[in-house]
Amino acid sequence: MWKWIFIGFALFYAIALALLAIGTFGLFGQERDPLSGIFLIPLGLPWNLIGDRAGLAGPWLAMLAPAINAAILYWLWRR
């Protein structure tokens, strides 16, 4: 069960990172969009909130916080 949850989460994470890159750099003829990283926020909860309260707010926090959740899901799968 944890294997499929991890794979699904990793897929959503990869799609959200791709949308961030496409919207930020205007790839494939898209206009630059300041809200292109919005899909990373719910994937990184609660680490986004904890990092924001600790003073670590920024784009890197939004991009790397879902990796913590992915690592937890991977650990649950492999234990």
C-alpha atoms as a PDB file:
ATOM      1  CA  MET A   1       0.000   0.000   0.000  1.00  0.00           C
ATOM      2  CA  TRP A   2       2.744   2.488   0.937  1.00  0.00           C
ATOM      3  CA  LYS A   3       4.507   1.754  -2.323  1.00  0.00           C
ATOM      4  CA  TRP A   4       1.593   3.089  -4.397  1.00  0.00           C
ATOM      5  CA  ILE A   5       1.116   6.098  -2.130  1.00  0.00           C
ATOM      6  CA  PHE A   6       4.809   6.945  -2.496  1.00  0.00           C
ATOM      7  CA  ILE A   7       4.722   6.507  -6.284  1.00  0.00           C
ATOM      8  CA  GLY A   8       1.601   8.650  -6.574  1.00  0.00           C
ATOM      9  CA  PHE A   9       3.081  11.367  -4.346  1.00  0.00           C
ATOM     10  CA  ALA A  10       6.359  11.330  -6.271  1.00  0.00           C
ATOM     11  CA  LEU A  11       4.434  11.650  -9.527  1.00  0.00           C
ATOM     12  CA  PHE A  12       2.466  14.648  -8.223  1.00  0.00           C
ATOM     13  CA  TYR A  13       5.715  16.178  -6.936  1.00  0.00           C
ATOM     14  CA  ALA A  14       7.420  15.776 -10.315  1.00  0.00           C
ATOM     15  CA  ILE A  15       4.427  17.307 -12.121  1.00  0.00           C
ATOM     16  CA  ALA A  16       4.362  20.250  -9.698  1.00  0.00           C
ATOM     17  CA  LEU A  17       8.097  20.863 -10.205  1.00  0.00           C
ATOM     18  CA  ALA A  18       7.638  20.707 -13.982  1.00  0.00           C
ATOM     19  CA  LEU A  19       4.778  23.224 -13.813  1.00  0.00           C
ATOM     20  CA  LEU A  20       6.973  25.479 -11.681  1.00  0.00           C
ATOM     21  CA  ALA A  21       9.772  25.361 -14.242  1.00  0.00           C
ATOM     22  CA  ILE A  22       7.415  25.920 -17.167  1.00  0.00           C
ATOM     23  CA  GLY A  23       5.677  28.858 -15.510  1.00  0.00           C
ATOM     24  CA  THR A  24       8.797  30.462 -14.082  1.00  0.00           C
ATOM     25  CA  PHE A  25      10.928  30.391 -17.218  1.00  0.00           C
ATOM     26  CA  GLY A  26       8.142  30.651 -19.790  1.00  0.00           C
ATOM     27  CA  LEU A  27       8.964  27.361 -21.472  1.00  0.00           C
ATOM     28  CA  PHE A  28       6.917  25.984 -24.388  1.00  0.00           C
ATOM     29  CA  GLY A  29       5.610  29.432 -25.267  1.00  0.00           C
ATOM     30  CA  GLN A  30       3.829  29.942 -21.941  1.00  0.00           C
ATOM     31  CA  GLU A  31       3.712  33.332 -20.307  1.00  0.00           C
ATOM     32  CA  ARG A  32       5.643  33.768 -17.078  1.00  0.00           C
ATOM     33  CA  ASP A  33       3.346  33.114 -14.162  1.00  0.00           C
ATOM     34  CA  PRO A  34       4.129  34.164 -10.572  1.00  0.00           C
ATOM     35  CA  LEU A  35       1.729  31.511  -9.232  1.00  0.00           C
ATOM     36  CA  SER A  36       3.249  28.572 -11.073  1.00  0.00           C
ATOM     37  CA  GLY A  37       4.590  27.038  -7.853  1.00  0.00           C
ATOM     38  CA  ILE A  38       1.258  27.026  -6.044  1.00  0.00           C
ATOM     39  CA  PHE A  39       0.873  23.251  -6.408  1.00  0.00           C
ATOM     40  CA  LEU A  40       4.003  22.675  -4.327  1.00  0.00           C
ATOM     41  CA  ILE A  41       2.505  24.325  -1.242  1.00  0.00           C
ATOM     42  CA  PRO A  42      -0.062  21.633  -0.304  1.00  0.00           C
ATOM     43  CA  LEU A  43       2.418  18.863  -1.139  1.00  0.00           C
ATOM     44  CA  GLY A  44       4.886  20.309   1.382  1.00  0.00           C
ATOM     45  CA  LEU A  45       2.548  20.764   4.329  1.00  0.00           C
ATOM     46  CA  PRO A  46       3.260  20.905   7.320  1.00  0.00           C
ATOM     47  CA  TRP A  47       6.935  21.637   6.595  1.00  0.00           C
ATOM     48  CA  ASN A  48       6.074  24.835   4.715  1.00  0.00           C
ATOM     49  CA  LEU A  49       4.338  26.230   7.784  1.00  0.00           C
ATOM     50  CA  ILE A  50       7.109  25.158  10.144  1.00  0.00           C
ATOM     51  CA  GLY A  51       9.800  26.640   7.894  1.00  0.00           C
ATOM     52  CA  ASP A  52       7.855  29.870   7.489  1.00  0.00           C
ATOM     53  CA  ARG A  53       7.528  30.285  11.246  1.00  0.00           C
ATOM     54  CA  ALA A  54      11.240  29.524  11.657  1.00  0.00           C
ATOM     55  CA  GLY A  55      12.125  32.337   9.245  1.00  0.00           C
ATOM     56  CA  LEU A  56      13.113  30.114   6.318  1.00  0.00           C
ATOM     57  CA  ALA A  57      10.418  31.346   3.936  1.00  0.00           C
ATOM     58  CA  GLY A  58      11.389  31.465   0.284  1.00  0.00           C
ATOM     59  CA  PRO A  59      11.176  29.611  -2.987  1.00  0.00           C
ATOM     60  CA  TRP A  60      13.614  26.904  -1.914  1.00  0.00           C
ATOM     61  CA  LEU A  61      11.442  25.988   1.043  1.00  0.00           C
ATOM     62  CA  ALA A  62       8.424  25.503  -1.208  1.00  0.00           C
ATOM     63  CA  MET A  63      10.466  23.384  -3.626  1.00  0.00           C
ATOM     64  CA  LEU A  64      12.158  21.164  -1.031  1.00  0.00           C
ATOM     65  CA  ALA A  65       9.436  20.717   1.612  1.00  0.00           C
ATOM     66  CA  PRO A  66       7.580  18.045  -0.415  1.00  0.00           C
ATOM     67  CA  ALA A  67      10.834  16.073  -0.533  1.00  0.00           C
ATOM     68  CA  ILE A  68      10.569  15.614   3.248  1.00  0.00           C
ATOM     69  CA  ASN A  69       7.115  14.108   2.840  1.00  0.00           C
ATOM     70  CA  ALA A  70       8.401  11.920   0.011  1.00  0.00           C
ATOM     71  CA  ALA A  71      11.241  10.712   2.241  1.00  0.00           C
ATOM     72  CA  ILE A  72       8.770   9.858   5.008  1.00  0.00           C
ATOM     73  CA  LEU A  73       6.587   7.914   2.578  1.00  0.00           C
ATOM     74  CA  TYR A  74       9.645   6.109   1.223  1.00  0.00           C
ATOM     75  CA  TRP A  75      10.667   5.183   4.763  1.00  0.00           C
ATOM     76  CA  LEU A  76       7.164   3.846   5.486  1.00  0.00           C
ATOM     77  CA  TRP A  77       7.323   1.795   2.310  1.00  0.00           C
ATOM     78  CA  ARG A  78      10.747   0.295   3.068  1.00  0.00           C
ATOM     79  CA  ARG A  79      10.360  -0.465   6.786  1.00  0.00           C
END
